[in-house]
N, C-alpha and C. Protein backbone atom coordinates (compact mmCIF):
# COMPACT_ATOMS: atom_id res chain seq x y z
N MET A 1 -15.68 -19.06 47.48
CA MET A 1 -14.78 -18.39 46.55
C MET A 1 -14.84 -19.28 45.64
N LEU A 2 -15.09 -18.40 44.90
CA LEU A 2 -15.35 -19.04 42.64
C LEU A 2 -13.95 -19.45 42.21
N ARG A 3 -13.11 -20.32 42.13
CA ARG A 3 -12.07 -20.67 41.44
C ARG A 3 -12.77 -21.29 40.51
N ILE A 4 -11.76 -20.33 39.42
CA ILE A 4 -12.00 -20.10 36.96
C ILE A 4 -10.28 -20.86 37.05
N ASN A 5 -10.71 -22.15 36.54
CA ASN A 5 -9.44 -22.98 35.52
C ASN A 5 -9.47 -21.95 34.38
N THR A 6 -7.75 -21.32 34.71
CA THR A 6 -7.42 -20.13 33.59
C THR A 6 -7.15 -20.65 32.42
N THR A 7 -6.40 -21.71 32.31
CA THR A 7 -6.22 -22.62 30.91
C THR A 7 -8.59 -22.84 30.40
N GLU A 8 -9.29 -22.46 31.17
CA GLU A 8 -10.36 -22.52 30.51
C GLU A 8 -10.47 -21.24 29.91
N VAL A 9 -10.52 -20.07 30.80
CA VAL A 9 -10.59 -18.57 30.51
C VAL A 9 -9.90 -18.49 29.48
N LYS A 10 -8.60 -19.71 29.00
CA LYS A 10 -7.81 -18.53 27.57
C LYS A 10 -8.34 -18.97 26.93
N PHE A 11 -8.66 -20.04 26.56
CA PHE A 11 -10.11 -20.66 25.45
C PHE A 11 -11.09 -20.24 25.37
N MET A 12 -11.67 -19.41 26.04
CA MET A 12 -13.13 -19.11 26.03
C MET A 12 -13.54 -18.48 25.05
N LYS A 13 -14.60 -19.12 24.72
CA LYS A 13 -15.04 -18.41 23.52
C LYS A 13 -16.16 -17.01 23.62
N ILE A 14 -16.16 -16.21 22.39
CA ILE A 14 -17.22 -15.10 22.91
C ILE A 14 -18.45 -15.38 21.42
N LEU A 15 -19.74 -15.46 21.76
CA LEU A 15 -20.79 -15.36 21.04
C LEU A 15 -20.77 -13.92 20.43
N LYS A 16 -20.65 -14.36 18.96
CA LYS A 16 -21.39 -13.24 18.22
C LYS A 16 -22.30 -13.12 17.37
N SER A 17 -23.21 -12.17 17.11
CA SER A 17 -23.96 -12.29 15.49
C SER A 17 -23.45 -13.17 14.31
N PRO A 18 -24.28 -13.35 13.56
CA PRO A 18 -23.51 -13.90 11.81
C PRO A 18 -22.99 -13.12 11.69
N TRP A 19 -21.33 -12.90 10.83
CA TRP A 19 -20.81 -11.75 10.41
C TRP A 19 -20.06 -12.05 8.83
N THR A 20 -19.39 -11.49 8.73
CA THR A 20 -18.19 -12.20 7.27
C THR A 20 -17.17 -11.86 7.79
N ALA A 21 -17.13 -13.69 9.45
CA ALA A 21 -15.41 -13.93 9.71
C ALA A 21 -14.75 -13.87 8.82
N LEU A 22 -15.11 -14.09 8.32
CA LEU A 22 -13.79 -15.21 7.28
C LEU A 22 -12.53 -14.28 6.98
N TYR A 23 -11.89 -14.76 7.27
CA TYR A 23 -10.42 -14.18 6.80
C TYR A 23 -9.14 -15.36 6.85
N PRO A 24 -7.91 -14.92 6.03
CA PRO A 24 -7.96 -13.43 5.02
C PRO A 24 -8.64 -13.61 3.86
N CYS A 25 -9.28 -13.18 3.18
CA CYS A 25 -9.90 -12.86 1.87
C CYS A 25 -9.13 -12.00 0.10
N PRO A 26 -8.89 -13.18 -0.07
CA PRO A 26 -7.91 -12.54 -1.41
C PRO A 26 -7.98 -11.60 -2.17
N VAL A 27 -7.56 -10.29 -2.12
CA VAL A 27 -7.99 -8.99 -3.70
C VAL A 27 -7.91 -9.33 -4.39
N VAL A 28 -9.03 -9.31 -5.64
CA VAL A 28 -8.66 -9.26 -6.87
C VAL A 28 -9.35 -8.37 -6.96
N LEU A 29 -8.98 -7.62 -8.85
CA LEU A 29 -9.12 -6.29 -10.21
C LEU A 29 -9.76 -7.47 -11.07
N VAL A 30 -11.07 -7.06 -10.73
CA VAL A 30 -12.47 -7.74 -11.31
C VAL A 30 -12.14 -6.64 -13.12
N THR A 31 -12.21 -7.29 -13.93
CA THR A 31 -12.32 -6.59 -15.49
C THR A 31 -13.82 -6.92 -16.01
N CYS A 32 -13.99 -5.98 -16.98
CA CYS A 32 -16.23 -6.08 -17.31
C CYS A 32 -15.99 -5.50 -18.75
N THR A 33 -16.56 -5.25 -19.70
CA THR A 33 -16.90 -4.12 -20.38
C THR A 33 -18.84 -4.29 -20.68
N ASP A 34 -19.12 -2.87 -21.09
CA ASP A 34 -20.27 -2.24 -20.88
C ASP A 34 -20.55 -3.02 -22.34
N SER A 35 -21.78 -2.28 -23.59
CA SER A 35 -21.92 -2.97 -24.15
C SER A 35 -21.35 -2.35 -26.08
N LYS A 36 -20.01 -1.57 -25.35
CA LYS A 36 -19.91 -0.93 -26.58
C LYS A 36 -18.07 -1.53 -26.55
N GLY A 37 -17.93 -2.33 -25.51
CA GLY A 37 -16.80 -2.58 -25.65
C GLY A 37 -15.76 -2.04 -24.26
N THR A 38 -16.18 -0.97 -24.06
CA THR A 38 -15.21 0.36 -23.12
C THR A 38 -15.35 -0.59 -21.60
N ALA A 39 -13.93 -0.57 -21.30
CA ALA A 39 -14.19 -1.45 -20.09
C ALA A 39 -13.63 -0.73 -18.50
N ASN A 40 -13.87 -1.52 -17.62
CA ASN A 40 -14.15 -1.19 -16.48
C ASN A 40 -13.57 -2.41 -15.80
N ILE A 41 -12.93 -1.84 -14.47
CA ILE A 41 -12.38 -2.34 -13.06
C ILE A 41 -12.41 -2.05 -11.74
N ILE A 42 -13.36 -3.41 -10.96
CA ILE A 42 -13.92 -2.85 -9.84
C ILE A 42 -13.09 -4.21 -8.50
N THR A 43 -12.66 -3.35 -7.44
CA THR A 43 -12.00 -4.40 -7.22
C THR A 43 -12.97 -5.30 -6.04
N LEU A 44 -12.41 -6.47 -5.55
CA LEU A 44 -12.95 -7.45 -4.79
C LEU A 44 -12.71 -7.82 -4.09
N ALA A 45 -13.43 -8.79 -2.75
CA ALA A 45 -12.71 -9.82 -1.39
C ALA A 45 -13.42 -10.91 -1.66
N TRP A 46 -14.86 -10.65 -1.95
CA TRP A 46 -15.60 -11.54 -1.82
C TRP A 46 -15.36 -12.54 -2.67
N ASN A 47 -14.03 -13.71 -2.85
CA ASN A 47 -14.29 -14.77 -4.54
C ASN A 47 -13.38 -15.40 -4.14
N GLY A 48 -13.34 -16.90 -4.59
CA GLY A 48 -12.54 -17.78 -4.33
C GLY A 48 -12.93 -19.24 -5.15
N ILE A 49 -11.87 -19.43 -5.31
CA ILE A 49 -11.91 -21.04 -6.35
C ILE A 49 -13.14 -22.00 -5.56
N VAL A 50 -13.77 -22.60 -6.78
CA VAL A 50 -14.89 -23.06 -5.56
C VAL A 50 -15.05 -24.31 -6.90
N CYS A 51 -14.73 -24.59 -7.83
CA CYS A 51 -14.41 -26.42 -8.45
C CYS A 51 -13.12 -26.19 -8.89
N SER A 52 -12.62 -27.71 -9.29
CA SER A 52 -11.42 -27.35 -9.51
C SER A 52 -11.75 -28.18 -11.68
N GLU A 53 -12.39 -29.06 -11.54
CA GLU A 53 -13.10 -29.72 -13.06
C GLU A 53 -14.46 -29.27 -13.02
N PRO A 54 -14.78 -28.37 -13.84
CA PRO A 54 -14.15 -27.52 -15.07
C PRO A 54 -13.31 -26.65 -13.74
N PRO A 55 -12.24 -25.36 -13.87
CA PRO A 55 -12.04 -24.51 -12.97
C PRO A 55 -12.93 -23.43 -13.00
N THR A 56 -13.41 -23.11 -11.81
CA THR A 56 -14.47 -22.50 -11.67
C THR A 56 -14.58 -21.36 -10.51
N ILE A 57 -14.21 -20.13 -10.27
CA ILE A 57 -14.25 -18.85 -9.31
C ILE A 57 -15.21 -18.29 -9.50
N ALA A 58 -15.53 -18.36 -7.57
CA ALA A 58 -16.77 -17.67 -7.68
C ALA A 58 -16.79 -16.01 -7.11
N ILE A 59 -17.41 -15.03 -7.70
CA ILE A 59 -17.17 -13.37 -7.09
C ILE A 59 -18.59 -12.85 -7.12
N GLY A 60 -18.38 -12.31 -5.52
CA GLY A 60 -19.86 -11.95 -5.14
C GLY A 60 -19.78 -10.60 -5.12
N ILE A 61 -20.95 -9.50 -5.75
CA ILE A 61 -20.95 -8.16 -6.29
C ILE A 61 -21.87 -7.97 -5.51
N ARG A 62 -22.13 -6.25 -4.65
CA ARG A 62 -23.66 -6.05 -4.77
C ARG A 62 -24.40 -5.57 -6.20
N PRO A 63 -25.53 -6.00 -6.40
CA PRO A 63 -25.90 -5.50 -7.89
C PRO A 63 -26.54 -4.37 -7.77
N HIS A 64 -25.97 -3.49 -7.03
CA HIS A 64 -26.77 -2.08 -6.93
C HIS A 64 -24.86 -1.36 -7.88
N ARG A 65 -23.81 -2.23 -8.04
CA ARG A 65 -22.59 -1.58 -8.48
C ARG A 65 -23.30 -1.77 -10.16
N TYR A 66 -21.93 -1.13 -10.19
CA TYR A 66 -22.00 -0.63 -11.92
C TYR A 66 -21.68 -2.39 -12.17
N SER A 67 -20.40 -2.11 -12.39
CA SER A 67 -19.94 -3.50 -12.64
C SER A 67 -21.21 -5.18 -12.67
N CYS A 68 -21.58 -5.50 -11.29
CA CYS A 68 -22.63 -6.09 -11.51
C CYS A 68 -23.52 -6.57 -12.68
N GLY A 69 -23.76 -5.31 -13.13
CA GLY A 69 -24.90 -4.87 -14.49
C GLY A 69 -24.33 -5.14 -15.74
N LEU A 70 -22.91 -4.62 -15.38
CA LEU A 70 -21.66 -5.21 -17.36
C LEU A 70 -22.14 -6.92 -17.28
N ILE A 71 -21.66 -7.07 -16.01
CA ILE A 71 -21.36 -8.93 -16.10
C ILE A 71 -22.44 -9.61 -16.31
N GLU A 72 -23.73 -9.06 -15.75
CA GLU A 72 -25.18 -9.46 -16.05
C GLU A 72 -25.21 -9.23 -17.58
N ASP A 73 -24.88 -8.84 -17.96
CA ASP A 73 -24.84 -8.64 -19.62
C ASP A 73 -23.96 -9.68 -20.80
N SER A 74 -22.95 -8.94 -20.24
CA SER A 74 -21.98 -9.40 -21.12
C SER A 74 -21.43 -10.82 -20.86
N GLY A 75 -21.52 -11.62 -19.50
CA GLY A 75 -21.89 -13.29 -19.13
C GLY A 75 -20.22 -13.35 -19.18
N GLU A 76 -19.28 -12.58 -19.13
CA GLU A 76 -17.69 -12.77 -19.02
C GLU A 76 -17.29 -11.78 -18.05
N PHE A 77 -15.77 -12.04 -17.56
CA PHE A 77 -14.84 -10.57 -17.20
C PHE A 77 -13.44 -11.55 -16.36
N VAL A 78 -13.12 -11.28 -16.19
CA VAL A 78 -11.31 -11.45 -16.01
C VAL A 78 -11.28 -11.06 -14.88
N VAL A 79 -10.62 -11.60 -14.18
CA VAL A 79 -10.22 -11.96 -12.16
C VAL A 79 -8.59 -11.86 -12.57
N ASN A 80 -8.00 -10.59 -12.40
CA ASN A 80 -7.01 -9.64 -11.73
C ASN A 80 -6.42 -9.82 -10.84
N ILE A 81 -5.10 -10.45 -10.67
CA ILE A 81 -4.75 -10.59 -9.53
C ILE A 81 -3.02 -9.87 -9.12
N PRO A 82 -3.61 -8.66 -8.43
CA PRO A 82 -2.79 -7.53 -8.20
C PRO A 82 -1.66 -8.00 -7.17
N SER A 83 -0.86 -6.96 -7.33
CA SER A 83 0.28 -7.33 -6.82
C SER A 83 0.96 -6.15 -5.29
N THR A 84 1.68 -5.75 -4.59
CA THR A 84 1.55 -5.03 -3.79
C THR A 84 2.16 -3.93 -4.80
N LYS A 85 2.72 -3.73 -5.54
CA LYS A 85 3.18 -2.65 -6.27
C LYS A 85 2.06 -1.97 -6.55
N ILE A 86 0.89 -2.54 -6.60
CA ILE A 86 -0.74 -1.25 -6.48
C ILE A 86 -1.44 -1.35 -6.41
N LEU A 87 -1.25 -1.22 -4.98
CA LEU A 87 -2.18 -1.45 -4.24
C LEU A 87 -2.97 0.23 -4.10
N ARG A 88 -2.49 1.25 -3.98
CA ARG A 88 -3.29 2.33 -4.59
C ARG A 88 -4.16 2.19 -5.31
N GLU A 89 -3.46 2.11 -6.92
CA GLU A 89 -4.71 1.87 -7.39
C GLU A 89 -5.67 0.72 -7.43
N THR A 90 -5.52 -0.34 -6.77
CA THR A 90 -6.23 -1.33 -6.33
C THR A 90 -7.20 -0.38 -5.27
N ASP A 91 -6.71 -0.10 -4.38
CA ASP A 91 -7.72 0.41 -3.15
C ASP A 91 -9.19 1.43 -4.53
N TYR A 92 -8.15 2.28 -5.02
CA TYR A 92 -8.99 3.48 -5.80
C TYR A 92 -10.41 2.80 -6.66
N CYS A 93 -9.62 1.38 -7.20
CA CYS A 93 -10.75 0.82 -8.26
C CYS A 93 -12.32 0.73 -7.81
N GLY A 94 -11.76 0.03 -6.13
CA GLY A 94 -12.71 -0.39 -5.59
C GLY A 94 -13.41 1.20 -4.45
N VAL A 95 -13.21 1.62 -5.02
CA VAL A 95 -14.10 3.49 -3.98
C VAL A 95 -14.24 3.56 -5.01
N PHE A 96 -13.91 4.20 -6.25
CA PHE A 96 -15.17 4.73 -6.69
C PHE A 96 -15.56 3.97 -7.99
N SER A 97 -16.98 4.28 -8.07
CA SER A 97 -17.38 3.99 -9.44
C SER A 97 -17.09 3.95 -10.99
N GLY A 98 -16.70 2.89 -11.73
CA GLY A 98 -16.36 3.05 -12.98
C GLY A 98 -18.01 3.58 -13.95
N GLU A 99 -18.90 4.61 -13.59
CA GLU A 99 -20.41 4.57 -14.48
C GLU A 99 -19.54 6.09 -15.19
N ASN A 100 -18.88 6.54 -14.67
CA ASN A 100 -18.69 8.23 -14.85
C ASN A 100 -17.21 8.44 -15.12
N ILE A 101 -16.34 7.62 -14.78
CA ILE A 101 -14.75 7.79 -15.28
C ILE A 101 -14.70 6.80 -15.82
N ASP A 102 -13.24 6.59 -15.73
CA ASP A 102 -12.29 5.57 -17.24
C ASP A 102 -11.04 4.88 -15.86
N LYS A 103 -11.36 3.56 -15.17
CA LYS A 103 -10.04 4.19 -14.08
C LYS A 103 -9.21 3.37 -14.93
N PHE A 104 -8.84 2.76 -15.50
CA PHE A 104 -7.81 2.40 -16.52
C PHE A 104 -7.13 4.09 -16.46
N SER A 105 -7.27 4.80 -16.97
CA SER A 105 -7.27 5.76 -17.43
C SER A 105 -7.06 6.65 -16.22
N GLU A 106 -7.84 6.77 -15.30
CA GLU A 106 -7.62 7.80 -13.91
C GLU A 106 -6.44 6.91 -13.34
N THR A 107 -6.25 5.71 -13.30
CA THR A 107 -5.23 4.62 -12.94
C THR A 107 -4.06 4.60 -13.26
N LYS A 108 -3.82 4.70 -14.45
CA LYS A 108 -2.82 4.63 -15.45
C LYS A 108 -2.48 2.99 -15.16
N LEU A 109 -3.48 2.25 -15.29
CA LEU A 109 -2.99 0.63 -15.14
C LEU A 109 -3.26 0.40 -16.81
N THR A 110 -2.81 -0.74 -17.35
CA THR A 110 -2.57 -1.10 -18.35
C THR A 110 -3.22 -1.81 -19.14
N SER A 111 -4.04 -1.40 -20.59
CA SER A 111 -4.77 -2.92 -20.69
C SER A 111 -4.41 -3.46 -22.01
N GLU A 112 -4.92 -4.65 -21.83
CA GLU A 112 -3.76 -5.75 -22.60
C GLU A 112 -5.57 -6.02 -23.19
N PRO A 113 -5.33 -6.82 -24.33
CA PRO A 113 -6.49 -8.50 -24.87
C PRO A 113 -6.47 -9.30 -24.31
N SER A 114 -7.56 -9.74 -23.96
CA SER A 114 -8.02 -11.44 -23.65
C SER A 114 -8.03 -11.74 -25.19
N LYS A 115 -7.50 -13.24 -24.29
CA LYS A 115 -7.83 -14.56 -25.21
C LYS A 115 -9.11 -14.42 -26.23
N TYR A 116 -10.30 -15.21 -24.98
CA TYR A 116 -11.35 -15.85 -25.34
C TYR A 116 -12.26 -14.55 -24.68
N VAL A 117 -12.66 -14.12 -24.51
CA VAL A 117 -13.55 -12.87 -23.97
C VAL A 117 -13.12 -11.23 -24.23
N LYS A 118 -14.02 -10.61 -23.79
CA LYS A 118 -14.33 -9.20 -24.29
C LYS A 118 -13.66 -8.54 -23.28
N PRO A 119 -13.65 -8.54 -22.12
CA PRO A 119 -12.45 -7.76 -21.55
C PRO A 119 -11.54 -7.85 -20.32
N PRO A 120 -10.86 -7.03 -20.91
CA PRO A 120 -9.18 -7.09 -21.31
C PRO A 120 -8.48 -7.44 -19.34
N LEU A 121 -7.10 -7.74 -20.09
CA LEU A 121 -6.52 -7.93 -18.91
C LEU A 121 -5.82 -6.91 -18.22
N ILE A 122 -5.03 -7.10 -17.21
CA ILE A 122 -4.68 -5.99 -16.34
C ILE A 122 -2.73 -6.16 -16.29
N LYS A 123 -2.28 -5.51 -17.25
CA LYS A 123 -1.16 -5.79 -17.45
C LYS A 123 0.23 -6.09 -15.78
N GLU A 124 -0.38 -4.65 -15.42
CA GLU A 124 0.35 -4.75 -13.70
C GLU A 124 0.04 -6.32 -13.04
N CYS A 125 -0.75 -6.81 -13.37
CA CYS A 125 -1.40 -7.74 -12.62
C CYS A 125 -0.49 -9.61 -12.92
N PRO A 126 0.34 -10.14 -12.24
CA PRO A 126 1.03 -10.78 -12.33
C PRO A 126 0.18 -12.20 -12.84
N VAL A 127 -0.76 -12.18 -12.78
CA VAL A 127 -1.62 -13.80 -12.66
C VAL A 127 -3.77 -13.17 -13.23
N ASN A 128 -3.86 -13.26 -14.61
CA ASN A 128 -5.17 -13.33 -15.31
C ASN A 128 -5.53 -14.46 -15.12
N MET A 129 -6.99 -14.39 -15.25
CA MET A 129 -8.31 -15.42 -15.38
C MET A 129 -9.08 -15.26 -15.90
N GLU A 130 -9.42 -15.46 -17.44
CA GLU A 130 -10.28 -14.86 -17.74
C GLU A 130 -11.63 -16.34 -18.19
N CYS A 131 -12.91 -15.27 -17.37
CA CYS A 131 -13.87 -16.18 -17.47
C CYS A 131 -14.58 -15.80 -18.33
N ILE A 132 -15.97 -17.16 -18.10
CA ILE A 132 -16.98 -16.77 -19.24
C ILE A 132 -18.33 -17.28 -17.58
N THR A 133 -18.97 -16.88 -17.55
CA THR A 133 -20.08 -16.95 -16.61
C THR A 133 -21.33 -18.23 -16.49
N LYS A 134 -21.64 -19.21 -15.95
CA LYS A 134 -21.94 -20.03 -16.02
C LYS A 134 -22.98 -20.19 -14.93
N SER A 135 -23.46 -18.95 -13.74
CA SER A 135 -24.55 -18.78 -13.60
C SER A 135 -24.53 -17.83 -12.25
N LYS A 136 -25.90 -17.17 -12.12
CA LYS A 136 -25.77 -16.05 -11.51
C LYS A 136 -26.75 -16.21 -9.79
N ILE A 137 -26.26 -16.22 -8.88
CA ILE A 137 -27.12 -16.02 -7.41
C ILE A 137 -27.46 -15.48 -6.75
N PRO A 138 -28.57 -14.35 -7.13
CA PRO A 138 -28.69 -13.91 -5.54
C PRO A 138 -28.92 -14.14 -4.04
N LEU A 139 -27.78 -13.30 -3.68
CA LEU A 139 -27.70 -14.21 -2.01
C LEU A 139 -28.51 -13.09 -1.33
N GLY A 140 -28.89 -11.98 -1.69
CA GLY A 140 -28.99 -11.09 -0.55
C GLY A 140 -28.49 -9.75 -1.08
N SER A 141 -27.63 -9.41 -0.14
CA SER A 141 -26.95 -8.00 -0.02
C SER A 141 -25.96 -8.41 -1.57
N HIS A 142 -26.04 -9.44 -2.09
CA HIS A 142 -24.82 -9.66 -3.15
C HIS A 142 -25.14 -10.78 -4.31
N HIS A 143 -24.95 -10.56 -5.59
CA HIS A 143 -25.19 -11.47 -6.06
C HIS A 143 -23.52 -12.54 -6.50
N LEU A 144 -23.85 -13.90 -6.33
CA LEU A 144 -23.34 -14.45 -7.03
C LEU A 144 -22.60 -15.14 -7.92
N PHE A 145 -21.49 -14.75 -8.66
CA PHE A 145 -21.44 -15.06 -10.27
C PHE A 145 -20.29 -16.36 -10.36
N LEU A 146 -20.45 -17.20 -10.78
CA LEU A 146 -19.64 -18.13 -10.90
C LEU A 146 -18.99 -18.26 -12.51
N GLY A 147 -17.71 -18.29 -12.52
CA GLY A 147 -16.71 -18.07 -13.51
C GLY A 147 -16.42 -19.45 -14.26
N GLU A 148 -16.65 -20.05 -15.74
CA GLU A 148 -15.32 -20.83 -15.77
C GLU A 148 -14.79 -20.55 -16.16
N ILE A 149 -13.10 -20.80 -16.09
CA ILE A 149 -12.01 -20.08 -15.79
C ILE A 149 -11.72 -20.67 -17.73
N VAL A 150 -11.14 -19.61 -18.52
CA VAL A 150 -11.27 -20.73 -20.06
C VAL A 150 -9.59 -20.36 -20.40
N GLN A 151 -9.03 -19.46 -19.57
CA GLN A 151 -7.76 -19.07 -20.69
C GLN A 151 -6.79 -18.78 -18.73
N VAL A 152 -5.27 -18.39 -18.86
CA VAL A 152 -4.71 -18.23 -17.53
C VAL A 152 -3.16 -17.83 -18.35
N HIS A 153 -3.01 -15.86 -17.72
CA HIS A 153 -2.20 -15.55 -18.03
C HIS A 153 -1.27 -15.48 -17.30
N VAL A 154 -0.14 -15.94 -16.61
CA VAL A 154 0.96 -15.66 -15.61
C VAL A 154 1.73 -15.11 -15.83
N ASP A 155 2.84 -14.41 -16.10
CA ASP A 155 4.12 -13.81 -16.04
C ASP A 155 4.65 -14.40 -16.01
N LYS A 156 5.84 -14.65 -17.07
CA LYS A 156 7.24 -15.22 -16.63
C LYS A 156 8.36 -14.79 -15.45
N ALA A 157 8.42 -14.30 -14.64
CA ALA A 157 8.79 -13.22 -14.00
C ALA A 157 8.86 -13.87 -12.34
N ILE A 158 7.51 -14.66 -12.45
CA ILE A 158 6.92 -14.84 -10.78
C ILE A 158 6.41 -16.14 -11.18
N LEU A 159 7.60 -16.86 -12.41
CA LEU A 159 7.53 -18.61 -12.22
C LEU A 159 8.78 -18.89 -11.53
N ASP A 160 9.43 -19.79 -10.63
CA ASP A 160 10.28 -20.50 -10.29
C ASP A 160 11.04 -21.27 -11.54
N ASP A 161 12.06 -22.63 -11.17
CA ASP A 161 12.53 -22.88 -12.15
C ASP A 161 11.70 -24.52 -12.78
N LYS A 162 10.78 -24.51 -11.92
CA LYS A 162 9.60 -25.35 -12.16
C LYS A 162 8.57 -25.28 -12.84
N GLY A 163 8.19 -23.74 -13.12
CA GLY A 163 6.95 -23.26 -13.36
C GLY A 163 5.62 -23.17 -12.81
N VAL A 164 6.14 -23.07 -11.79
CA VAL A 164 5.32 -23.24 -11.06
C VAL A 164 5.35 -21.29 -10.08
N ILE A 165 4.21 -20.99 -10.08
CA ILE A 165 3.53 -19.20 -9.70
C ILE A 165 4.92 -19.61 -7.92
N ASP A 166 5.69 -18.75 -7.71
CA ASP A 166 6.54 -17.85 -6.20
C ASP A 166 5.98 -17.15 -6.11
N PHE A 167 5.18 -16.75 -4.96
CA PHE A 167 4.58 -16.08 -4.60
C PHE A 167 5.25 -15.16 -3.43
N THR A 168 6.43 -15.29 -2.96
CA THR A 168 7.31 -14.23 -3.15
C THR A 168 7.39 -13.15 -4.24
N LYS A 169 7.30 -13.34 -5.05
CA LYS A 169 8.17 -12.72 -6.14
C LYS A 169 6.36 -12.32 -6.99
N ALA A 170 5.19 -12.64 -6.74
CA ALA A 170 3.86 -12.41 -6.89
C ALA A 170 3.36 -11.32 -6.41
N SER A 171 3.48 -11.40 -4.75
CA SER A 171 3.01 -10.36 -4.56
C SER A 171 1.87 -10.08 -3.95
N PRO A 172 1.23 -11.03 -3.75
CA PRO A 172 -0.56 -10.92 -3.53
C PRO A 172 -0.93 -10.03 -2.19
N PHE A 173 -1.91 -9.48 -2.04
CA PHE A 173 -1.90 -9.82 -0.96
C PHE A 173 -3.54 -9.29 -0.40
N VAL A 174 -3.93 -9.51 1.29
CA VAL A 174 -5.29 -10.42 1.31
C VAL A 174 -6.13 -8.58 2.12
N TYR A 175 -7.44 -8.85 1.96
CA TYR A 175 -8.28 -8.14 2.72
C TYR A 175 -8.32 -8.41 4.02
N ASN A 176 -8.57 -8.01 5.17
CA ASN A 176 -8.52 -8.33 7.08
C ASN A 176 -9.39 -7.75 7.10
N GLN A 177 -10.90 -7.75 7.20
CA GLN A 177 -11.03 -6.53 7.91
C GLN A 177 -11.46 -5.07 7.92
N GLY A 178 -11.20 -4.99 6.59
CA GLY A 178 -10.75 -3.32 6.43
C GLY A 178 -9.61 -2.81 5.95
N GLU A 179 -8.66 -4.17 6.39
CA GLU A 179 -7.25 -3.40 5.91
C GLU A 179 -6.42 -4.93 5.04
N TYR A 180 -5.57 -4.30 4.56
CA TYR A 180 -4.67 -4.71 3.74
C TYR A 180 -3.79 -5.45 4.10
N TRP A 181 -3.75 -6.82 3.37
CA TRP A 181 -2.02 -7.40 4.56
C TRP A 181 -1.17 -8.36 3.48
N SER A 182 0.18 -8.07 3.30
CA SER A 182 0.85 -8.96 2.55
C SER A 182 1.23 -10.68 3.21
N LEU A 183 1.35 -11.13 2.18
CA LEU A 183 1.94 -12.52 2.56
C LEU A 183 3.67 -12.26 2.53
N ASN A 184 3.41 -12.69 3.45
CA ASN A 184 5.22 -12.67 3.41
C ASN A 184 6.46 -14.48 3.30
N LYS A 185 5.55 -15.37 3.68
CA LYS A 185 6.47 -16.82 3.37
C LYS A 185 5.58 -17.91 3.84
N LYS A 186 6.09 -18.65 2.78
CA LYS A 186 5.99 -20.27 2.88
C LYS A 186 6.11 -21.11 4.40
N ILE A 187 4.74 -21.75 5.26
CA ILE A 187 5.10 -22.25 6.42
C ILE A 187 4.81 -23.46 6.64
N GLY A 188 4.59 -24.15 5.48
CA GLY A 188 4.08 -25.74 5.46
C GLY A 188 3.44 -25.67 3.93
N LEU A 189 3.24 -27.73 3.65
CA LEU A 189 2.84 -27.57 2.20
C LEU A 189 1.93 -28.65 2.56
N HIS A 190 0.77 -29.08 1.56
CA HIS A 190 -0.51 -29.52 2.12
C HIS A 190 -0.15 -31.34 2.08
N GLY A 191 -0.73 -31.63 2.81
CA GLY A 191 -0.14 -33.05 3.19
C GLY A 191 0.95 -33.61 3.98
N PHE A 192 1.75 -32.65 4.88
CA PHE A 192 2.75 -32.30 5.52
C PHE A 192 2.28 -33.45 7.10
N SER A 193 0.82 -33.02 6.99
CA SER A 193 1.03 -33.67 8.78
C SER A 193 0.63 -34.71 8.12
N THR A 194 1.03 -35.79 7.72
CA THR A 194 0.71 -37.21 7.11
C THR A 194 2.16 -37.38 6.93
N LYS A 195 3.52 -37.27 6.95
CA LYS A 195 4.54 -37.59 7.06
C LYS A 195 5.48 -37.42 8.50
């Protein structure tokens, strides 16, 4: 009779075909504008910081999405970090195309002027990053836009007494394989393992 070590079974891996298994993915609302200055909003989860100096963020967008063409043409976008308070509006902006509807009007989100770029900030998002496109890389199903962050806006209400973002006040959320999840507590600090 074959005996199986239960410790080995507990940690056995199952091989799967390549897929987007990275989790969690931060959810952002990206604003962009057309040639007439009309603003649009797209919800994205394929995004992240890719460089510190200069501060650079990457966003992945399917080429057939309306916003992809707007960002290609303008070379500018704003990454807005939503809070759980606007989860429904965030989901809406990812489900419907802005080609035929005004998402600001439909969601009642508030447009505010940026300092350096044409796309507006979303007032209800506690953090907004104005970006200038540095490059676009066609990858396959998505185009990757690298945007240099040229200005950051942060609501005073989410800052702690040291001027650092208090994430419990900012209340961001993430995308996990088709589900939205909130973040609720700090569990460690960078470098804690060396102490």
